[in-house]
C-alpha atoms as a PDB file:
ATOM      1  CA  LEU A   1      12.337 -40.372  38.997  1.00  0.00           C
ATOM      2  CA  MET A   2      13.181 -41.269  35.875  1.00  0.00           C
ATOM      3  CA  LYS A   3       9.337 -40.613  34.541  1.00  0.00           C
ATOM      4  CA  LYS A   4       9.009 -37.397  36.177  1.00  0.00           C
ATOM      5  CA  LYS A   5      11.764 -36.653  34.456  1.00  0.00           C
ATOM      6  CA  ILE A   6      11.119 -37.887  31.174  1.00  0.00           C
ATOM      7  CA  CYS A   7       8.007 -36.817  31.331  1.00  0.00           C
ATOM      8  CA  ALA A   8       9.148 -32.901  32.513  1.00  0.00           C
ATOM      9  CA  ILE A   9      12.362 -33.295  29.055  1.00  0.00           C
ATOM     10  CA  LEU A  10       9.152 -34.139  26.851  1.00  0.00           C
ATOM     11  CA  LEU A  11       6.751 -31.126  28.573  1.00  0.00           C
ATOM     12  CA  LEU A  12       9.348 -28.365  28.030  1.00  0.00           C
ATOM     13  CA  CYS A  13      10.271 -29.842  24.193  1.00  0.00           C
ATOM     14  CA  VAL A  14       6.844 -29.093  24.009  1.00  0.00           C
ATOM     15  CA  CYS A  15       6.663 -25.631  25.020  1.00  0.00           C
ATOM     16  CA  LEU A  16       9.871 -24.768  23.272  1.00  0.00           C
ATOM     17  CA  LEU A  17       8.324 -26.445  19.628  1.00  0.00           C
ATOM     18  CA  VAL A  18       4.970 -24.674  20.630  1.00  0.00           C
ATOM     19  CA  LEU A  19       7.561 -21.415  20.795  1.00  0.00           C
ATOM     20  CA  LEU A  20       9.386 -21.884  18.054  1.00  0.00           C
ATOM     21  CA  SER A  21       7.013 -22.260  15.915  1.00  0.00           C
ATOM     22  CA  ALA A  22       5.165 -18.241  16.492  1.00  0.00           C
ATOM     23  CA  CYS A  23       8.796 -17.248  16.002  1.00  0.00           C
ATOM     24  CA  GLY A  24       8.645 -16.997  11.642  1.00  0.00           C
ATOM     25  CA  LYS A  25       5.753 -15.653  11.379  1.00  0.00           C
ATOM     26  CA  GLU A  26       5.640 -11.884  10.186  1.00  0.00           C
ATOM     27  CA  LYS A  27       2.208 -11.163  10.255  1.00  0.00           C
ATOM     28  CA  LYS A  28      -1.110 -12.994  10.162  1.00  0.00           C
ATOM     29  CA  THR A  29      -2.475 -14.907   6.279  1.00  0.00           C
ATOM     30  CA  GLY A  30      -5.518 -11.716   6.333  1.00  0.00           C
ATOM     31  CA  GLU A  31      -3.771  -8.782   7.505  1.00  0.00           C
ATOM     32  CA  TYR A  32      -2.983  -5.809   5.282  1.00  0.00           C
ATOM     33  CA  GLN A  33      -3.460  -1.987   5.683  1.00  0.00           C
ATOM     34  CA  VAL A  34      -5.067   0.392   3.680  1.00  0.00           C
ATOM     35  CA  PHE A  35      -3.650   3.816   3.195  1.00  0.00           C
ATOM     36  CA  TYR A  36      -6.397   6.306   3.858  1.00  0.00           C
ATOM     37  CA  LEU A  37      -5.550  10.174   3.337  1.00  0.00           C
ATOM     38  CA  ASN A  38      -5.213  12.456   6.503  1.00  0.00           C
ATOM     39  CA  ALA A  39      -8.421  15.630   6.907  1.00  0.00           C
ATOM     40  CA  ASP A  40      -5.542  17.503   5.695  1.00  0.00           C
ATOM     41  CA  VAL A  41      -4.694  15.629   2.442  1.00  0.00           C
ATOM     42  CA  THR A  42      -0.858  15.811   3.270  1.00  0.00           C
ATOM     43  CA  ARG A  43      -0.293  12.288   3.417  1.00  0.00           C
ATOM     44  CA  ILE A  44      -1.295   8.936   4.278  1.00  0.00           C
ATOM     45  CA  ILE A  45      -1.591   7.085   6.954  1.00  0.00           C
ATOM     46  CA  PRO A  46      -2.344   2.986   7.010  1.00  0.00           C
ATOM     47  CA  GLU A  47      -5.067   1.613   9.119  1.00  0.00           C
ATOM     48  CA  LYS A  48      -4.666  -2.362   9.665  1.00  0.00           C
ATOM     49  CA  VAL A  49      -7.814  -4.304   8.002  1.00  0.00           C
ATOM     50  CA  GLU A  50      -8.731  -8.487   8.284  1.00  0.00           C
ATOM     51  CA  LEU A  51      -8.971  -9.816   4.795  1.00  0.00           C
ATOM     52  CA  LYS A  52     -11.480 -12.481   4.290  1.00  0.00           C
ATOM     53  CA  SER A  53     -10.564 -13.299   0.685  1.00  0.00           C
ATOM     54  CA  SER A  54      -7.702 -16.118   0.300  1.00  0.00           C
ATOM     55  CA  GLN A  55      -7.200 -15.942  -3.499  1.00  0.00           C
ATOM     56  CA  GLU A  56      -5.227 -12.286  -4.631  1.00  0.00           C
ATOM     57  CA  ASP A  57      -7.634 -11.471  -7.505  1.00  0.00           C
ATOM     58  CA  GLU A  58     -10.207 -11.546  -4.093  1.00  0.00           C
ATOM     59  CA  LYS A  59      -7.641  -9.682  -1.640  1.00  0.00           C
ATOM     60  CA  MET A  60      -7.608  -6.950  -4.357  1.00  0.00           C
ATOM     61  CA  GLU A  61     -11.741  -6.655  -4.345  1.00  0.00           C
ATOM     62  CA  GLU A  62     -11.158  -6.631  -1.350  1.00  0.00           C
ATOM     63  CA  LEU A  63      -8.910  -4.123  -0.674  1.00  0.00           C
ATOM     64  CA  LEU A  64      -9.710  -2.158  -3.148  1.00  0.00           C
ATOM     65  CA  LYS A  65     -13.901  -1.917  -1.405  1.00  0.00           C
ATOM     66  CA  ASP A  66     -11.928  -0.260   1.230  1.00  0.00           C
ATOM     67  CA  LEU A  67      -9.878   2.288  -0.192  1.00  0.00           C
ATOM     68  CA  LYS A  68     -13.521   3.119  -1.415  1.00  0.00           C
ATOM     69  CA  LYS A  69     -15.104   2.869   2.247  1.00  0.00           C
ATOM     70  CA  ARG A  70     -14.533   5.722   5.117  1.00  0.00           C
ATOM     71  CA  PRO A  71     -12.295   4.602   7.281  1.00  0.00           C
ATOM     72  CA  GLN A  72     -12.865   3.536  11.419  1.00  0.00           C
ATOM     73  CA  ASP A  73     -10.714   6.452  12.144  1.00  0.00           C
ATOM     74  CA  ALA A  74     -12.607   9.843  12.552  1.00  0.00           C
ATOM     75  CA  SER A  75      -9.483  11.913  11.245  1.00  0.00           C
ATOM     76  CA  LEU A  76      -8.649  10.069   7.693  1.00  0.00           C
ATOM     77  CA  ARG A  77     -10.538  10.728   4.871  1.00  0.00           C
ATOM     78  CA  GLN A  78     -11.292   7.419   2.530  1.00  0.00           C
ATOM     79  CA  THR A  79      -8.806   7.015  -0.257  1.00  0.00           C
ATOM     80  CA  ILE A  80     -10.857   7.158  -3.452  1.00  0.00           C
ATOM     81  CA  PRO A  81     -14.014   9.449  -3.915  1.00  0.00           C
ATOM     82  CA  ASN A  82     -17.750   8.436  -3.593  1.00  0.00           C
ATOM     83  CA  LYS A  83     -17.845  10.045  -7.420  1.00  0.00           C
ATOM     84  CA  VAL A  84     -14.615   7.760  -8.591  1.00  0.00           C
ATOM     85  CA  LYS A  85     -15.830   5.096  -9.782  1.00  0.00           C
ATOM     86  CA  VAL A  86     -13.845   1.999 -10.173  1.00  0.00           C
ATOM     87  CA  LEU A  87     -15.015   0.095 -13.941  1.00  0.00           C
ATOM     88  CA  GLY A  88     -12.279  -1.951 -13.651  1.00  0.00           C
ATOM     89  CA  VAL A  89      -9.320  -4.115 -12.710  1.00  0.00           C
ATOM     90  CA  SER A  90      -7.119  -6.483 -14.648  1.00  0.00           C
ATOM     91  CA  THR A  91      -4.329  -8.294 -14.057  1.00  0.00           C
ATOM     92  CA  ALA A  92      -0.996  -8.752 -16.394  1.00  0.00           C
ATOM     93  CA  THR A  93       2.422 -11.014 -14.936  1.00  0.00           C
ATOM     94  CA  TYR A  94       3.633  -8.260 -12.809  1.00  0.00           C
ATOM     95  CA  GLN A  95       1.323  -6.211 -12.927  1.00  0.00           C
ATOM     96  CA  ILE A  96      -2.823  -4.674 -11.728  1.00  0.00           C
ATOM     97  CA  THR A  97      -3.761  -2.154 -13.974  1.00  0.00           C
ATOM     98  CA  VAL A  98      -6.945  -0.075 -12.366  1.00  0.00           C
ATOM     99  CA  ASP A  99      -9.292   1.889 -14.741  1.00  0.00           C
ATOM    100  CA  PHE A 100     -11.403   4.903 -13.080  1.00  0.00           C
ATOM    101  CA  SER A 101     -14.118   6.994 -14.188  1.00  0.00           C
ATOM    102  CA  LYS A 102     -13.272  10.441 -15.836  1.00  0.00           C
ATOM    103  CA  GLU A 103     -14.825  11.325 -12.171  1.00  0.00           C
ATOM    104  CA  TYR A 104     -11.023  10.829 -11.850  1.00  0.00           C
ATOM    105  CA  TYR A 105      -9.484  14.165 -13.051  1.00  0.00           C
ATOM    106  CA  ASP A 106     -12.063  15.953 -10.974  1.00  0.00           C
ATOM    107  CA  MET A 107      -9.520  15.462  -8.237  1.00  0.00           C
ATOM    108  CA  SER A 108      -7.218  18.317  -7.017  1.00  0.00           C
ATOM    109  CA  PRO A 109      -3.445  17.646  -8.146  1.00  0.00           C
ATOM    110  CA  THR A 110      -2.426  16.679  -4.369  1.00  0.00           C
ATOM    111  CA  GLN A 111      -5.417  14.584  -3.332  1.00  0.00           C
ATOM    112  CA  GLU A 112      -4.247  12.661  -6.822  1.00  0.00           C
ATOM    113  CA  VAL A 113      -1.144  11.676  -6.314  1.00  0.00           C
ATOM    114  CA  LEU A 114      -1.805  10.980  -2.408  1.00  0.00           C
ATOM    115  CA  THR A 115      -4.147   8.905  -4.006  1.00  0.00           C
ATOM    116  CA  ARG A 116      -2.316   7.023  -6.265  1.00  0.00           C
ATOM    117  CA  ALA A 117       0.409   6.667  -3.452  1.00  0.00           C
ATOM    118  CA  ALA A 118      -2.413   4.763  -1.365  1.00  0.00           C
ATOM    119  CA  ILE A 119      -3.406   2.812  -3.952  1.00  0.00           C
ATOM    120  CA  VAL A 120       0.191   1.569  -4.782  1.00  0.00           C
ATOM    121  CA  LYS A 121       1.217   1.339  -1.229  1.00  0.00           C
ATOM    122  CA  THR A 122      -1.875  -1.065  -0.491  1.00  0.00           C
ATOM    123  CA  LEU A 123      -2.542  -3.067  -3.574  1.00  0.00           C
ATOM    124  CA  LEU A 124       1.582  -3.342  -3.945  1.00  0.00           C
ATOM    125  CA  GLN A 125       1.085  -6.032  -0.174  1.00  0.00           C
ATOM    126  CA  ILE A 126       0.339  -8.429  -2.422  1.00  0.00           C
ATOM    127  CA  LYS A 127       3.160 -10.552  -3.430  1.00  0.00           C
ATOM    128  CA  LYS A 128       2.629 -11.465  -6.685  1.00  0.00           C
ATOM    129  CA  TYR A 129       2.099  -7.873  -8.340  1.00  0.00           C
ATOM    130  CA  SER A 130       5.194  -5.330  -8.591  1.00  0.00           C
ATOM    131  CA  TYR A 131       3.502  -2.447 -10.657  1.00  0.00           C
ATOM    132  CA  VAL A 132      -0.213  -0.699 -10.521  1.00  0.00           C
ATOM    133  CA  MET A 133      -1.031   1.080 -13.888  1.00  0.00           C
ATOM    134  CA  PHE A 134      -3.725   4.291 -14.060  1.00  0.00           C
ATOM    135  CA  THR A 135      -6.908   3.987 -16.779  1.00  0.00           C
ATOM    136  CA  VAL A 136      -9.252   6.611 -16.735  1.00  0.00           C
ATOM    137  CA  GLU A 137     -11.961   5.283 -18.915  1.00  0.00           C
ATOM    138  CA  SER A 138      -9.627   2.766 -20.454  1.00  0.00           C
ATOM    139  CA  GLU A 139      -6.984   4.927 -21.861  1.00  0.00           C
ATOM    140  CA  PRO A 140      -4.060   5.908 -19.790  1.00  0.00           C
ATOM    141  CA  LEU A 141      -3.586   8.525 -17.389  1.00  0.00           C
ATOM    142  CA  LEU A 142      -2.368  11.230 -17.598  1.00  0.00           C
ATOM    143  CA  ASN A 143      -0.837  13.847 -15.676  1.00  0.00           C
ATOM    144  CA  SER A 144      -0.989  17.334 -15.243  1.00  0.00           C
ATOM    145  CA  SER A 145       1.548  18.205 -18.902  1.00  0.00           C
ATOM    146  CA  LYS A 146      -0.611  15.686 -21.013  1.00  0.00           C
ATOM    147  CA  ASN A 147       1.951  12.849 -20.485  1.00  0.00           C
ATOM    148  CA  ALA A 148       1.349   8.870 -19.560  1.00  0.00           C
ATOM    149  CA  VAL A 149       1.437   8.009 -16.208  1.00  0.00           C
ATOM    150  CA  GLY A 150       3.245   4.750 -17.087  1.00  0.00           C
ATOM    151  CA  SER A 151       3.893   1.857 -14.173  1.00  0.00           C
ATOM    152  CA  MET A 152       4.386   2.807 -10.947  1.00  0.00           C
ATOM    153  CA  SER A 153       5.652   0.989  -7.671  1.00  0.00           C
ATOM    154  CA  GLU A 154       6.610   2.095  -4.369  1.00  0.00           C
ATOM    155  CA  ASP A 155       9.509   3.160  -5.619  1.00  0.00           C
ATOM    156  CA  SER A 156       7.460   5.878  -6.907  1.00  0.00           C
ATOM    157  CA  PHE A 157       6.738   8.048  -4.129  1.00  0.00           C
ATOM    158  CA  VAL A 158       9.020  10.007  -2.223  1.00  0.00           C
ATOM    159  CA  GLU A 159       8.417   9.838   1.340  1.00  0.00           C
ATOM    160  CA  ASN A 160       8.932  12.463   3.588  1.00  0.00           C
ATOM    161  CA  PRO A 161       9.451  11.652   7.564  1.00  0.00           C
ATOM    162  CA  GLY A 162       7.967  14.234   9.935  1.00  0.00           C
ATOM    163  CA  GLU A 163       8.156  17.496   8.861  1.00  0.00           C
ATOM    164  CA  GLN A 164      11.034  18.244   6.754  1.00  0.00           C
ATOM    165  CA  ILE A 165       8.966  19.426   4.195  1.00  0.00           C
ATOM    166  CA  ASN A 166      10.917  22.794   4.264  1.00  0.00           C
ATOM    167  CA  SER A 167      14.514  21.636   5.728  1.00  0.00           C
ATOM    168  CA  SER A 168      17.648  21.833   4.245  1.00  0.00           C
ATOM    169  CA  GLN A 169      21.645  21.352   4.298  1.00  0.00           C
ATOM    170  CA  LYS A 170      24.801  23.417   3.295  1.00  0.00           C
ATOM    171  CA  THR A 171      27.847  21.712   2.554  1.00  0.00           C
ATOM    172  CA  THR A 172      30.944  22.372   0.135  1.00  0.00           C
ATOM    173  CA  LEU A 173      31.253  20.654  -3.031  1.00  0.00           C
ATOM    174  CA  THR A 174      34.369  20.685  -5.261  1.00  0.00           C
ATOM    175  CA  LEU A 175      33.228  20.879  -8.795  1.00  0.00           C
ATOM    176  CA  TYR A 176      35.477  19.414 -11.606  1.00  0.00           C
ATOM    177  CA  PHE A 177      34.525  20.222 -15.526  1.00  0.00           C
ATOM    178  CA  SER A 178      36.548  19.016 -18.672  1.00  0.00           C
ATOM    179  CA  SER A 179      38.426  20.845 -20.499  1.00  0.00           C
END
């Protein structure tokens, strides 16, 4: 009888240890999201991928290859168009720099901004880095006003959840002016 109780307690302890060891895992080590453009080119949509690499640089290359591929979901478009080539990727302390061919400037303004957002959100899942810098033919990426875009973080983009693009609110404010 005593042996059965000890065995039952040991079995219970083993079961608890197995359950507790599984609790702290947020995601699998190779599980990431690649952000693709929707068919209407109005927003980016995440799709889960399993990376084979364990090194940060190899993960980055693998994620960029996924951004150039057609997604499995037929309602999505590849993020980086076929005509746009990734000429190189370099890293600094907290920054990834991605260099594109001159065809990058052929994208429509909406597609270009969404492409940037998708690349930033995809690459910054590698926790070692906080910023992504874009260059075209080794020159800093320029916006439509011919100003350098600069380094971008995940906070560089505003998400608009749902259909709130034309929503507005009314409120009464008290303004104070200095004399």
